[in-house]
ModelCIF file with pLDDT and N, C-alpha, C, O atoms, coordinates in Angstrom:
data_MODEL
#
_entry.id   MODEL 
#
_entity.id                         1 
_entity.type                       polymer 
_entity.pdbx_number_of_molecules   1 
#
_entity_poly.entity_id                      1 
_entity_poly.type                           'polypeptide(L)' 
_entity_poly.nstd_linkage                   no 
_entity_poly.nstd_monomer                   no 
_entity_poly.pdbx_seq_one_letter_code       
;(UNK)(UNK)(UNK)(UNK)(UNK)(UNK)(UNK)(UNK)(UNK)(UNK)(UNK)(UNK)(UNK)(UNK)(UNK)(UNK)
(UNK)(UNK)(UNK)(UNK)(UNK)(UNK)(UNK)(UNK)(UNK)(UNK)(UNK)(UNK)(UNK)(UNK)(UNK)(UNK)
(UNK)(UNK)(UNK)(UNK)(UNK)(UNK)(UNK)(UNK)(UNK)(UNK)(UNK)(UNK)(UNK)
;
_entity_poly.pdbx_seq_one_letter_code_can   XXXXXXXXXXXXXXXXXXXXXXXXXXXXXXXXXXXXXXXXXXXXX 
_entity_poly.pdbx_strand_id                 A 
#
loop_
_entity_poly_seq.entity_id 
_entity_poly_seq.num 
_entity_poly_seq.mon_id 
_entity_poly_seq.hetero 
1 1  UNK n 
1 2  UNK n 
1 3  UNK n 
1 4  UNK n 
1 5  UNK n 
1 6  UNK n 
1 7  UNK n 
1 8  UNK n 
1 9  UNK n 
1 10 UNK n 
1 11 UNK n 
1 12 UNK n 
1 13 UNK n 
1 14 UNK n 
1 15 UNK n 
1 16 UNK n 
1 17 UNK n 
1 18 UNK n 
1 19 UNK n 
1 20 UNK n 
1 21 UNK n 
1 22 UNK n 
1 23 UNK n 
1 24 UNK n 
1 25 UNK n 
1 26 UNK n 
1 27 UNK n 
1 28 UNK n 
1 29 UNK n 
1 30 UNK n 
1 31 UNK n 
1 32 UNK n 
1 33 UNK n 
1 34 UNK n 
1 35 UNK n 
1 36 UNK n 
1 37 UNK n 
1 38 UNK n 
1 39 UNK n 
1 40 UNK n 
1 41 UNK n 
1 42 UNK n 
1 43 UNK n 
1 44 UNK n 
1 45 UNK n 
#
_struct_asym.id          A 
_struct_asym.entity_id   1 
#
loop_
_ma_qa_metric.id 
_ma_qa_metric.mode 
_ma_qa_metric.name 
_ma_qa_metric.software_group_id 
_ma_qa_metric.type 
1 global pLDDT . pLDDT 
2 local  pLDDT . pLDDT 
#
_ma_qa_metric_global.metric_id      1 
_ma_qa_metric_global.metric_value   96.76 
_ma_qa_metric_global.model_id       1 
_ma_qa_metric_global.ordinal_id     1 
#
loop_
_ma_qa_metric_local.label_asym_id 
_ma_qa_metric_local.label_comp_id 
_ma_qa_metric_local.label_seq_id 
_ma_qa_metric_local.metric_id 
_ma_qa_metric_local.metric_value 
_ma_qa_metric_local.model_id 
_ma_qa_metric_local.ordinal_id 
A UNK 1  2 97.00 1 1  
A UNK 2  2 97.00 1 2  
A UNK 3  2 98.00 1 3  
A UNK 4  2 98.00 1 4  
A UNK 5  2 97.00 1 5  
A UNK 6  2 98.00 1 6  
A UNK 7  2 98.00 1 7  
A UNK 8  2 98.00 1 8  
A UNK 9  2 98.00 1 9  
A UNK 10 2 98.00 1 10 
A UNK 11 2 97.00 1 11 
A UNK 12 2 96.00 1 12 
A UNK 13 2 95.00 1 13 
A UNK 14 2 94.00 1 14 
A UNK 15 2 96.00 1 15 
A UNK 16 2 96.00 1 16 
A UNK 17 2 97.00 1 17 
A UNK 18 2 98.00 1 18 
A UNK 19 2 98.00 1 19 
A UNK 20 2 98.00 1 20 
A UNK 21 2 98.00 1 21 
A UNK 22 2 98.00 1 22 
A UNK 23 2 98.00 1 23 
A UNK 24 2 98.00 1 24 
A UNK 25 2 98.00 1 25 
A UNK 26 2 97.00 1 26 
A UNK 27 2 96.00 1 27 
A UNK 28 2 97.00 1 28 
A UNK 29 2 98.00 1 29 
A UNK 30 2 98.00 1 30 
A UNK 31 2 98.00 1 31 
A UNK 32 2 98.00 1 32 
A UNK 33 2 98.00 1 33 
A UNK 34 2 98.00 1 34 
A UNK 35 2 98.00 1 35 
A UNK 36 2 98.00 1 36 
A UNK 37 2 97.00 1 37 
A UNK 38 2 96.00 1 38 
A UNK 39 2 94.00 1 39 
A UNK 40 2 94.00 1 40 
A UNK 41 2 94.00 1 41 
A UNK 42 2 93.00 1 42 
A UNK 43 2 94.00 1 43 
A UNK 44 2 93.00 1 44 
A UNK 45 2 93.00 1 45 
#
loop_
_atom_site.group_PDB 
_atom_site.id 
_atom_site.type_symbol 
_atom_site.label_atom_id 
_atom_site.label_alt_id 
_atom_site.label_comp_id 
_atom_site.label_asym_id 
_atom_site.label_entity_id 
_atom_site.label_seq_id 
_atom_site.pdbx_PDB_ins_code 
_atom_site.Cartn_x 
_atom_site.Cartn_y 
_atom_site.Cartn_z 
_atom_site.occupancy 
_atom_site.B_iso_or_equiv 
_atom_site.pdbx_formal_charge 
_atom_site.auth_seq_id 
_atom_site.auth_comp_id 
_atom_site.auth_asym_id 
_atom_site.auth_atom_id 
_atom_site.pdbx_PDB_model_num 
ATOM 1   N N  . UNK A 1 1  ? 112.081 98.918  165.956 1.00 97.00 ? 1  UNK A N  1 
ATOM 2   C CA . UNK A 1 1  ? 113.440 97.918  165.865 1.00 97.00 ? 1  UNK A CA 1 
ATOM 3   C C  . UNK A 1 1  ? 112.772 96.840  165.300 1.00 97.00 ? 1  UNK A C  1 
ATOM 4   O O  . UNK A 1 1  ? 113.559 95.916  165.091 1.00 97.00 ? 1  UNK A O  1 
ATOM 5   N N  . UNK A 1 2  ? 111.339 96.528  164.884 1.00 97.00 ? 2  UNK A N  1 
ATOM 6   C CA . UNK A 1 2  ? 110.712 95.792  164.317 1.00 97.00 ? 2  UNK A CA 1 
ATOM 7   C C  . UNK A 1 2  ? 111.362 95.680  162.853 1.00 97.00 ? 2  UNK A C  1 
ATOM 8   O O  . UNK A 1 2  ? 111.680 94.627  162.300 1.00 97.00 ? 2  UNK A O  1 
ATOM 9   N N  . UNK A 1 3  ? 111.468 96.701  162.447 1.00 98.00 ? 3  UNK A N  1 
ATOM 10  C CA . UNK A 1 3  ? 111.951 97.100  160.773 1.00 98.00 ? 3  UNK A CA 1 
ATOM 11  C C  . UNK A 1 3  ? 113.404 96.961  160.570 1.00 98.00 ? 3  UNK A C  1 
ATOM 12  O O  . UNK A 1 3  ? 113.955 95.964  160.104 1.00 98.00 ? 3  UNK A O  1 
ATOM 13  N N  . UNK A 1 4  ? 113.899 97.902  160.909 1.00 98.00 ? 4  UNK A N  1 
ATOM 14  C CA . UNK A 1 4  ? 115.284 98.189  161.394 1.00 98.00 ? 4  UNK A CA 1 
ATOM 15  C C  . UNK A 1 4  ? 115.957 96.573  160.530 1.00 98.00 ? 4  UNK A C  1 
ATOM 16  O O  . UNK A 1 4  ? 115.736 95.390  160.787 1.00 98.00 ? 4  UNK A O  1 
ATOM 17  N N  . UNK A 1 5  ? 116.764 97.187  159.532 1.00 97.00 ? 5  UNK A N  1 
ATOM 18  C CA . UNK A 1 5  ? 117.302 96.032  158.852 1.00 97.00 ? 5  UNK A CA 1 
ATOM 19  C C  . UNK A 1 5  ? 117.073 95.567  157.279 1.00 97.00 ? 5  UNK A C  1 
ATOM 20  O O  . UNK A 1 5  ? 117.827 95.170  156.390 1.00 97.00 ? 5  UNK A O  1 
ATOM 21  N N  . UNK A 1 6  ? 115.380 95.863  157.404 1.00 98.00 ? 6  UNK A N  1 
ATOM 22  C CA . UNK A 1 6  ? 114.479 95.750  156.269 1.00 98.00 ? 6  UNK A CA 1 
ATOM 23  C C  . UNK A 1 6  ? 113.944 96.615  155.473 1.00 98.00 ? 6  UNK A C  1 
ATOM 24  O O  . UNK A 1 6  ? 113.523 96.605  154.316 1.00 98.00 ? 6  UNK A O  1 
ATOM 25  N N  . UNK A 1 7  ? 114.082 97.684  156.669 1.00 98.00 ? 7  UNK A N  1 
ATOM 26  C CA . UNK A 1 7  ? 112.979 98.826  155.713 1.00 98.00 ? 7  UNK A CA 1 
ATOM 27  C C  . UNK A 1 7  ? 114.149 100.061 155.913 1.00 98.00 ? 7  UNK A C  1 
ATOM 28  O O  . UNK A 1 7  ? 114.895 100.176 156.885 1.00 98.00 ? 7  UNK A O  1 
ATOM 29  N N  . UNK A 1 8  ? 114.095 100.881 154.804 1.00 98.00 ? 8  UNK A N  1 
ATOM 30  C CA . UNK A 1 8  ? 114.851 101.918 154.693 1.00 98.00 ? 8  UNK A CA 1 
ATOM 31  C C  . UNK A 1 8  ? 113.696 103.119 154.528 1.00 98.00 ? 8  UNK A C  1 
ATOM 32  O O  . UNK A 1 8  ? 112.756 102.676 153.867 1.00 98.00 ? 8  UNK A O  1 
ATOM 33  N N  . UNK A 1 9  ? 113.521 104.316 154.879 1.00 98.00 ? 9  UNK A N  1 
ATOM 34  C CA . UNK A 1 9  ? 113.315 105.508 154.621 1.00 98.00 ? 9  UNK A CA 1 
ATOM 35  C C  . UNK A 1 9  ? 114.212 106.399 153.570 1.00 98.00 ? 9  UNK A C  1 
ATOM 36  O O  . UNK A 1 9  ? 115.425 106.188 153.579 1.00 98.00 ? 9  UNK A O  1 
ATOM 37  N N  . UNK A 1 10 ? 113.688 107.377 152.668 1.00 98.00 ? 10 UNK A N  1 
ATOM 38  C CA . UNK A 1 10 ? 114.719 108.063 152.273 1.00 98.00 ? 10 UNK A CA 1 
ATOM 39  C C  . UNK A 1 10 ? 113.670 109.340 151.572 1.00 98.00 ? 10 UNK A C  1 
ATOM 40  O O  . UNK A 1 10 ? 112.511 109.706 151.771 1.00 98.00 ? 10 UNK A O  1 
ATOM 41  N N  . UNK A 1 11 ? 114.503 109.653 150.894 1.00 97.00 ? 11 UNK A N  1 
ATOM 42  C CA . UNK A 1 11 ? 113.597 111.402 150.656 1.00 97.00 ? 11 UNK A CA 1 
ATOM 43  C C  . UNK A 1 11 ? 113.431 111.842 149.295 1.00 97.00 ? 11 UNK A C  1 
ATOM 44  O O  . UNK A 1 11 ? 114.193 111.090 148.687 1.00 97.00 ? 11 UNK A O  1 
ATOM 45  N N  . UNK A 1 12 ? 112.751 112.809 148.222 1.00 96.00 ? 12 UNK A N  1 
ATOM 46  C CA . UNK A 1 12 ? 113.582 113.560 147.414 1.00 96.00 ? 12 UNK A CA 1 
ATOM 47  C C  . UNK A 1 12 ? 112.996 114.632 147.732 1.00 96.00 ? 12 UNK A C  1 
ATOM 48  O O  . UNK A 1 12 ? 111.775 114.482 147.671 1.00 96.00 ? 12 UNK A O  1 
ATOM 49  N N  . UNK A 1 13 ? 113.366 115.858 148.109 1.00 95.00 ? 13 UNK A N  1 
ATOM 50  C CA . UNK A 1 13 ? 113.024 116.889 148.231 1.00 95.00 ? 13 UNK A CA 1 
ATOM 51  C C  . UNK A 1 13 ? 112.917 117.712 147.445 1.00 95.00 ? 13 UNK A C  1 
ATOM 52  O O  . UNK A 1 13 ? 112.553 118.826 147.822 1.00 95.00 ? 13 UNK A O  1 
ATOM 53  N N  . UNK A 1 14 ? 113.211 117.450 145.985 1.00 94.00 ? 14 UNK A N  1 
ATOM 54  C CA . UNK A 1 14 ? 113.065 118.300 144.983 1.00 94.00 ? 14 UNK A CA 1 
ATOM 55  C C  . UNK A 1 14 ? 111.959 117.993 144.142 1.00 94.00 ? 14 UNK A C  1 
ATOM 56  O O  . UNK A 1 14 ? 111.663 118.725 143.197 1.00 94.00 ? 14 UNK A O  1 
ATOM 57  N N  . UNK A 1 15 ? 111.101 116.584 144.523 1.00 96.00 ? 15 UNK A N  1 
ATOM 58  C CA . UNK A 1 15 ? 109.804 115.558 144.417 1.00 96.00 ? 15 UNK A CA 1 
ATOM 59  C C  . UNK A 1 15 ? 108.704 116.108 145.570 1.00 96.00 ? 15 UNK A C  1 
ATOM 60  O O  . UNK A 1 15 ? 107.478 116.002 145.602 1.00 96.00 ? 15 UNK A O  1 
ATOM 61  N N  . UNK A 1 16 ? 109.642 116.731 146.492 1.00 96.00 ? 16 UNK A N  1 
ATOM 62  C CA . UNK A 1 16 ? 108.202 116.622 147.708 1.00 96.00 ? 16 UNK A CA 1 
ATOM 63  C C  . UNK A 1 16 ? 107.366 115.208 147.465 1.00 96.00 ? 16 UNK A C  1 
ATOM 64  O O  . UNK A 1 16 ? 106.212 114.973 147.104 1.00 96.00 ? 16 UNK A O  1 
ATOM 65  N N  . UNK A 1 17 ? 108.693 114.237 147.898 1.00 97.00 ? 17 UNK A N  1 
ATOM 66  C CA . UNK A 1 17 ? 108.125 112.953 147.785 1.00 97.00 ? 17 UNK A CA 1 
ATOM 67  C C  . UNK A 1 17 ? 109.128 111.883 149.104 1.00 97.00 ? 17 UNK A C  1 
ATOM 68  O O  . UNK A 1 17 ? 110.357 111.943 149.092 1.00 97.00 ? 17 UNK A O  1 
ATOM 69  N N  . UNK A 1 18 ? 108.343 110.942 150.183 1.00 98.00 ? 18 UNK A N  1 
ATOM 70  C CA . UNK A 1 18 ? 108.972 110.197 151.092 1.00 98.00 ? 18 UNK A CA 1 
ATOM 71  C C  . UNK A 1 18 ? 109.209 108.949 150.531 1.00 98.00 ? 18 UNK A C  1 
ATOM 72  O O  . UNK A 1 18 ? 108.744 108.793 149.402 1.00 98.00 ? 18 UNK A O  1 
ATOM 73  N N  . UNK A 1 19 ? 109.892 107.898 151.094 1.00 98.00 ? 19 UNK A N  1 
ATOM 74  C CA . UNK A 1 19 ? 110.203 106.700 150.340 1.00 98.00 ? 19 UNK A CA 1 
ATOM 75  C C  . UNK A 1 19 ? 110.187 106.019 151.860 1.00 98.00 ? 19 UNK A C  1 
ATOM 76  O O  . UNK A 1 19 ? 110.652 106.382 152.941 1.00 98.00 ? 19 UNK A O  1 
ATOM 77  N N  . UNK A 1 20 ? 109.347 104.733 151.377 1.00 98.00 ? 20 UNK A N  1 
ATOM 78  C CA . UNK A 1 20 ? 109.683 103.537 152.495 1.00 98.00 ? 20 UNK A CA 1 
ATOM 79  C C  . UNK A 1 20 ? 109.990 102.435 151.760 1.00 98.00 ? 20 UNK A C  1 
ATOM 80  O O  . UNK A 1 20 ? 109.058 101.845 151.215 1.00 98.00 ? 20 UNK A O  1 
ATOM 81  N N  . UNK A 1 21 ? 111.365 101.938 151.598 1.00 98.00 ? 21 UNK A N  1 
ATOM 82  C CA . UNK A 1 21 ? 111.395 100.454 150.888 1.00 98.00 ? 21 UNK A CA 1 
ATOM 83  C C  . UNK A 1 21 ? 111.762 99.532  151.921 1.00 98.00 ? 21 UNK A C  1 
ATOM 84  O O  . UNK A 1 21 ? 112.475 99.699  152.911 1.00 98.00 ? 21 UNK A O  1 
ATOM 85  N N  . UNK A 1 22 ? 110.916 98.162  151.356 1.00 98.00 ? 22 UNK A N  1 
ATOM 86  C CA . UNK A 1 22 ? 110.652 97.265  152.048 1.00 98.00 ? 22 UNK A CA 1 
ATOM 87  C C  . UNK A 1 22 ? 110.664 96.269  151.703 1.00 98.00 ? 22 UNK A C  1 
ATOM 88  O O  . UNK A 1 22 ? 109.891 95.888  150.824 1.00 98.00 ? 22 UNK A O  1 
ATOM 89  N N  . UNK A 1 23 ? 112.059 95.045  152.605 1.00 98.00 ? 23 UNK A N  1 
ATOM 90  C CA . UNK A 1 23 ? 112.093 94.546  152.152 1.00 98.00 ? 23 UNK A CA 1 
ATOM 91  C C  . UNK A 1 23 ? 112.112 93.038  153.253 1.00 98.00 ? 23 UNK A C  1 
ATOM 92  O O  . UNK A 1 23 ? 111.875 93.008  154.461 1.00 98.00 ? 23 UNK A O  1 
ATOM 93  N N  . UNK A 1 24 ? 112.478 91.896  152.341 1.00 98.00 ? 24 UNK A N  1 
ATOM 94  C CA . UNK A 1 24 ? 112.187 90.440  153.236 1.00 98.00 ? 24 UNK A CA 1 
ATOM 95  C C  . UNK A 1 24 ? 110.451 90.995  153.728 1.00 98.00 ? 24 UNK A C  1 
ATOM 96  O O  . UNK A 1 24 ? 110.521 91.663  154.759 1.00 98.00 ? 24 UNK A O  1 
ATOM 97  N N  . UNK A 1 25 ? 109.499 90.898  153.387 1.00 98.00 ? 25 UNK A N  1 
ATOM 98  C CA . UNK A 1 25 ? 108.450 91.029  154.065 1.00 98.00 ? 25 UNK A CA 1 
ATOM 99  C C  . UNK A 1 25 ? 107.957 89.572  154.754 1.00 98.00 ? 25 UNK A C  1 
ATOM 100 O O  . UNK A 1 25 ? 108.313 88.433  154.452 1.00 98.00 ? 25 UNK A O  1 
ATOM 101 N N  . UNK A 1 26 ? 107.030 90.011  155.767 1.00 97.00 ? 26 UNK A N  1 
ATOM 102 C CA . UNK A 1 26 ? 106.321 88.833  156.589 1.00 97.00 ? 26 UNK A CA 1 
ATOM 103 C C  . UNK A 1 26 ? 105.020 89.131  156.386 1.00 97.00 ? 26 UNK A C  1 
ATOM 104 O O  . UNK A 1 26 ? 104.522 90.148  155.903 1.00 97.00 ? 26 UNK A O  1 
ATOM 105 N N  . UNK A 1 27 ? 104.315 87.752  156.967 1.00 96.00 ? 27 UNK A N  1 
ATOM 106 C CA . UNK A 1 27 ? 102.814 88.422  156.762 1.00 96.00 ? 27 UNK A CA 1 
ATOM 107 C C  . UNK A 1 27 ? 102.840 89.713  158.547 1.00 96.00 ? 27 UNK A C  1 
ATOM 108 O O  . UNK A 1 27 ? 102.092 90.690  158.546 1.00 96.00 ? 27 UNK A O  1 
ATOM 109 N N  . UNK A 1 28 ? 103.355 89.556  159.241 1.00 97.00 ? 28 UNK A N  1 
ATOM 110 C CA . UNK A 1 28 ? 103.416 90.798  160.164 1.00 97.00 ? 28 UNK A CA 1 
ATOM 111 C C  . UNK A 1 28 ? 103.517 91.801  159.698 1.00 97.00 ? 28 UNK A C  1 
ATOM 112 O O  . UNK A 1 28 ? 103.124 92.842  160.225 1.00 97.00 ? 28 UNK A O  1 
ATOM 113 N N  . UNK A 1 29 ? 104.042 91.718  158.652 1.00 98.00 ? 29 UNK A N  1 
ATOM 114 C CA . UNK A 1 29 ? 104.150 93.400  158.017 1.00 98.00 ? 29 UNK A CA 1 
ATOM 115 C C  . UNK A 1 29 ? 103.084 93.947  157.385 1.00 98.00 ? 29 UNK A C  1 
ATOM 116 O O  . UNK A 1 29 ? 103.088 95.120  157.013 1.00 98.00 ? 29 UNK A O  1 
ATOM 117 N N  . UNK A 1 30 ? 101.685 92.816  157.146 1.00 98.00 ? 30 UNK A N  1 
ATOM 118 C CA . UNK A 1 30 ? 100.673 93.205  156.945 1.00 98.00 ? 30 UNK A CA 1 
ATOM 119 C C  . UNK A 1 30 ? 99.616  94.426  157.140 1.00 98.00 ? 30 UNK A C  1 
ATOM 120 O O  . UNK A 1 30 ? 98.457  94.023  157.044 1.00 98.00 ? 30 UNK A O  1 
ATOM 121 N N  . UNK A 1 31 ? 99.722  95.693  157.368 1.00 98.00 ? 31 UNK A N  1 
ATOM 122 C CA . UNK A 1 31 ? 98.939  96.521  157.564 1.00 98.00 ? 31 UNK A CA 1 
ATOM 123 C C  . UNK A 1 31 ? 98.984  97.754  156.778 1.00 98.00 ? 31 UNK A C  1 
ATOM 124 O O  . UNK A 1 31 ? 99.891  97.827  155.949 1.00 98.00 ? 31 UNK A O  1 
ATOM 125 N N  . UNK A 1 32 ? 98.158  98.754  156.886 1.00 98.00 ? 32 UNK A N  1 
ATOM 126 C CA . UNK A 1 32 ? 97.775  99.987  156.294 1.00 98.00 ? 32 UNK A CA 1 
ATOM 127 C C  . UNK A 1 32 ? 98.668  100.653 156.783 1.00 98.00 ? 32 UNK A C  1 
ATOM 128 O O  . UNK A 1 32 ? 98.724  100.901 157.988 1.00 98.00 ? 32 UNK A O  1 
ATOM 129 N N  . UNK A 1 33 ? 99.775  101.175 155.656 1.00 98.00 ? 33 UNK A N  1 
ATOM 130 C CA . UNK A 1 33 ? 100.577 102.231 156.164 1.00 98.00 ? 33 UNK A CA 1 
ATOM 131 C C  . UNK A 1 33 ? 100.177 103.672 155.617 1.00 98.00 ? 33 UNK A C  1 
ATOM 132 O O  . UNK A 1 33 ? 99.443  104.058 154.708 1.00 98.00 ? 33 UNK A O  1 
ATOM 133 N N  . UNK A 1 34 ? 100.909 104.243 156.483 1.00 98.00 ? 34 UNK A N  1 
ATOM 134 C CA . UNK A 1 34 ? 100.277 105.821 156.965 1.00 98.00 ? 34 UNK A CA 1 
ATOM 135 C C  . UNK A 1 34 ? 101.538 106.775 156.364 1.00 98.00 ? 34 UNK A C  1 
ATOM 136 O O  . UNK A 1 34 ? 102.639 106.459 156.815 1.00 98.00 ? 34 UNK A O  1 
ATOM 137 N N  . UNK A 1 35 ? 101.525 107.739 155.544 1.00 98.00 ? 35 UNK A N  1 
ATOM 138 C CA . UNK A 1 35 ? 102.282 108.613 155.552 1.00 98.00 ? 35 UNK A CA 1 
ATOM 139 C C  . UNK A 1 35 ? 102.227 109.538 156.556 1.00 98.00 ? 35 UNK A C  1 
ATOM 140 O O  . UNK A 1 35 ? 101.100 109.625 157.044 1.00 98.00 ? 35 UNK A O  1 
ATOM 141 N N  . UNK A 1 36 ? 103.385 110.557 157.231 1.00 98.00 ? 36 UNK A N  1 
ATOM 142 C CA . UNK A 1 36 ? 103.098 111.534 158.354 1.00 98.00 ? 36 UNK A CA 1 
ATOM 143 C C  . UNK A 1 36 ? 103.858 112.624 158.465 1.00 98.00 ? 36 UNK A C  1 
ATOM 144 O O  . UNK A 1 36 ? 104.976 112.394 158.002 1.00 98.00 ? 36 UNK A O  1 
ATOM 145 N N  . UNK A 1 37 ? 103.701 114.137 159.036 1.00 97.00 ? 37 UNK A N  1 
ATOM 146 C CA . UNK A 1 37 ? 104.398 114.932 158.874 1.00 97.00 ? 37 UNK A CA 1 
ATOM 147 C C  . UNK A 1 37 ? 104.697 115.449 159.888 1.00 97.00 ? 37 UNK A C  1 
ATOM 148 O O  . UNK A 1 37 ? 103.892 115.406 160.819 1.00 97.00 ? 37 UNK A O  1 
ATOM 149 N N  . UNK A 1 38 ? 105.836 116.049 160.030 1.00 96.00 ? 38 UNK A N  1 
ATOM 150 C CA . UNK A 1 38 ? 105.805 117.043 161.641 1.00 96.00 ? 38 UNK A CA 1 
ATOM 151 C C  . UNK A 1 38 ? 106.542 118.869 161.110 1.00 96.00 ? 38 UNK A C  1 
ATOM 152 O O  . UNK A 1 38 ? 107.668 119.308 160.878 1.00 96.00 ? 38 UNK A O  1 
ATOM 153 N N  . UNK A 1 39 ? 105.848 119.150 161.118 1.00 94.00 ? 39 UNK A N  1 
ATOM 154 C CA . UNK A 1 39 ? 106.492 120.762 160.345 1.00 94.00 ? 39 UNK A CA 1 
ATOM 155 C C  . UNK A 1 39 ? 107.481 121.489 161.023 1.00 94.00 ? 39 UNK A C  1 
ATOM 156 O O  . UNK A 1 39 ? 108.053 122.515 160.655 1.00 94.00 ? 39 UNK A O  1 
ATOM 157 N N  . UNK A 1 40 ? 107.670 120.594 162.451 1.00 94.00 ? 40 UNK A N  1 
ATOM 158 C CA . UNK A 1 40 ? 109.124 121.651 163.035 1.00 94.00 ? 40 UNK A CA 1 
ATOM 159 C C  . UNK A 1 40 ? 110.169 120.602 163.054 1.00 94.00 ? 40 UNK A C  1 
ATOM 160 O O  . UNK A 1 40 ? 111.038 120.501 163.921 1.00 94.00 ? 40 UNK A O  1 
ATOM 161 N N  . UNK A 1 41 ? 110.002 119.767 161.945 1.00 94.00 ? 41 UNK A N  1 
ATOM 162 C CA . UNK A 1 41 ? 111.231 118.669 161.836 1.00 94.00 ? 41 UNK A CA 1 
ATOM 163 C C  . UNK A 1 41 ? 111.684 117.459 163.330 1.00 94.00 ? 41 UNK A C  1 
ATOM 164 O O  . UNK A 1 41 ? 112.691 116.780 163.532 1.00 94.00 ? 41 UNK A O  1 
ATOM 165 N N  . UNK A 1 42 ? 110.324 117.655 164.176 1.00 93.00 ? 42 UNK A N  1 
ATOM 166 C CA . UNK A 1 42 ? 110.621 117.132 165.219 1.00 93.00 ? 42 UNK A CA 1 
ATOM 167 C C  . UNK A 1 42 ? 110.506 115.002 165.647 1.00 93.00 ? 42 UNK A C  1 
ATOM 168 O O  . UNK A 1 42 ? 109.728 114.193 166.152 1.00 93.00 ? 42 UNK A O  1 
ATOM 169 N N  . UNK A 1 43 ? 111.956 115.064 164.960 1.00 94.00 ? 43 UNK A N  1 
ATOM 170 C CA . UNK A 1 43 ? 111.992 113.473 164.946 1.00 94.00 ? 43 UNK A CA 1 
ATOM 171 C C  . UNK A 1 43 ? 110.902 112.452 166.561 1.00 94.00 ? 43 UNK A C  1 
ATOM 172 O O  . UNK A 1 43 ? 110.431 111.316 166.526 1.00 94.00 ? 43 UNK A O  1 
ATOM 173 N N  . UNK A 1 44 ? 110.876 113.282 167.505 1.00 93.00 ? 44 UNK A N  1 
ATOM 174 C CA . UNK A 1 44 ? 110.262 112.888 168.773 1.00 93.00 ? 44 UNK A CA 1 
ATOM 175 C C  . UNK A 1 44 ? 108.748 112.805 169.012 1.00 93.00 ? 44 UNK A C  1 
ATOM 176 O O  . UNK A 1 44 ? 107.946 112.172 169.699 1.00 93.00 ? 44 UNK A O  1 
ATOM 177 N N  . UNK A 1 45 ? 108.775 113.744 168.114 1.00 93.00 ? 45 UNK A N  1 
ATOM 178 C CA . UNK A 1 45 ? 106.873 113.896 167.994 1.00 93.00 ? 45 UNK A CA 1 
ATOM 179 C C  . UNK A 1 45 ? 106.555 112.364 167.251 1.00 93.00 ? 45 UNK A C  1 
ATOM 180 O O  . UNK A 1 45 ? 105.400 112.036 166.983 1.00 93.00 ? 45 UNK A O  1 
#
């Protein structure tokens, strides 16, 4: 909810790459950002 409408996740499977487009950034978005993967396609995990 904190990023909805400002951030968008997307992926390019041909490039094995996932993206995070971040718009309208504010000071509360300052952080270390980590990529993560779940091998079972389990979004709840």
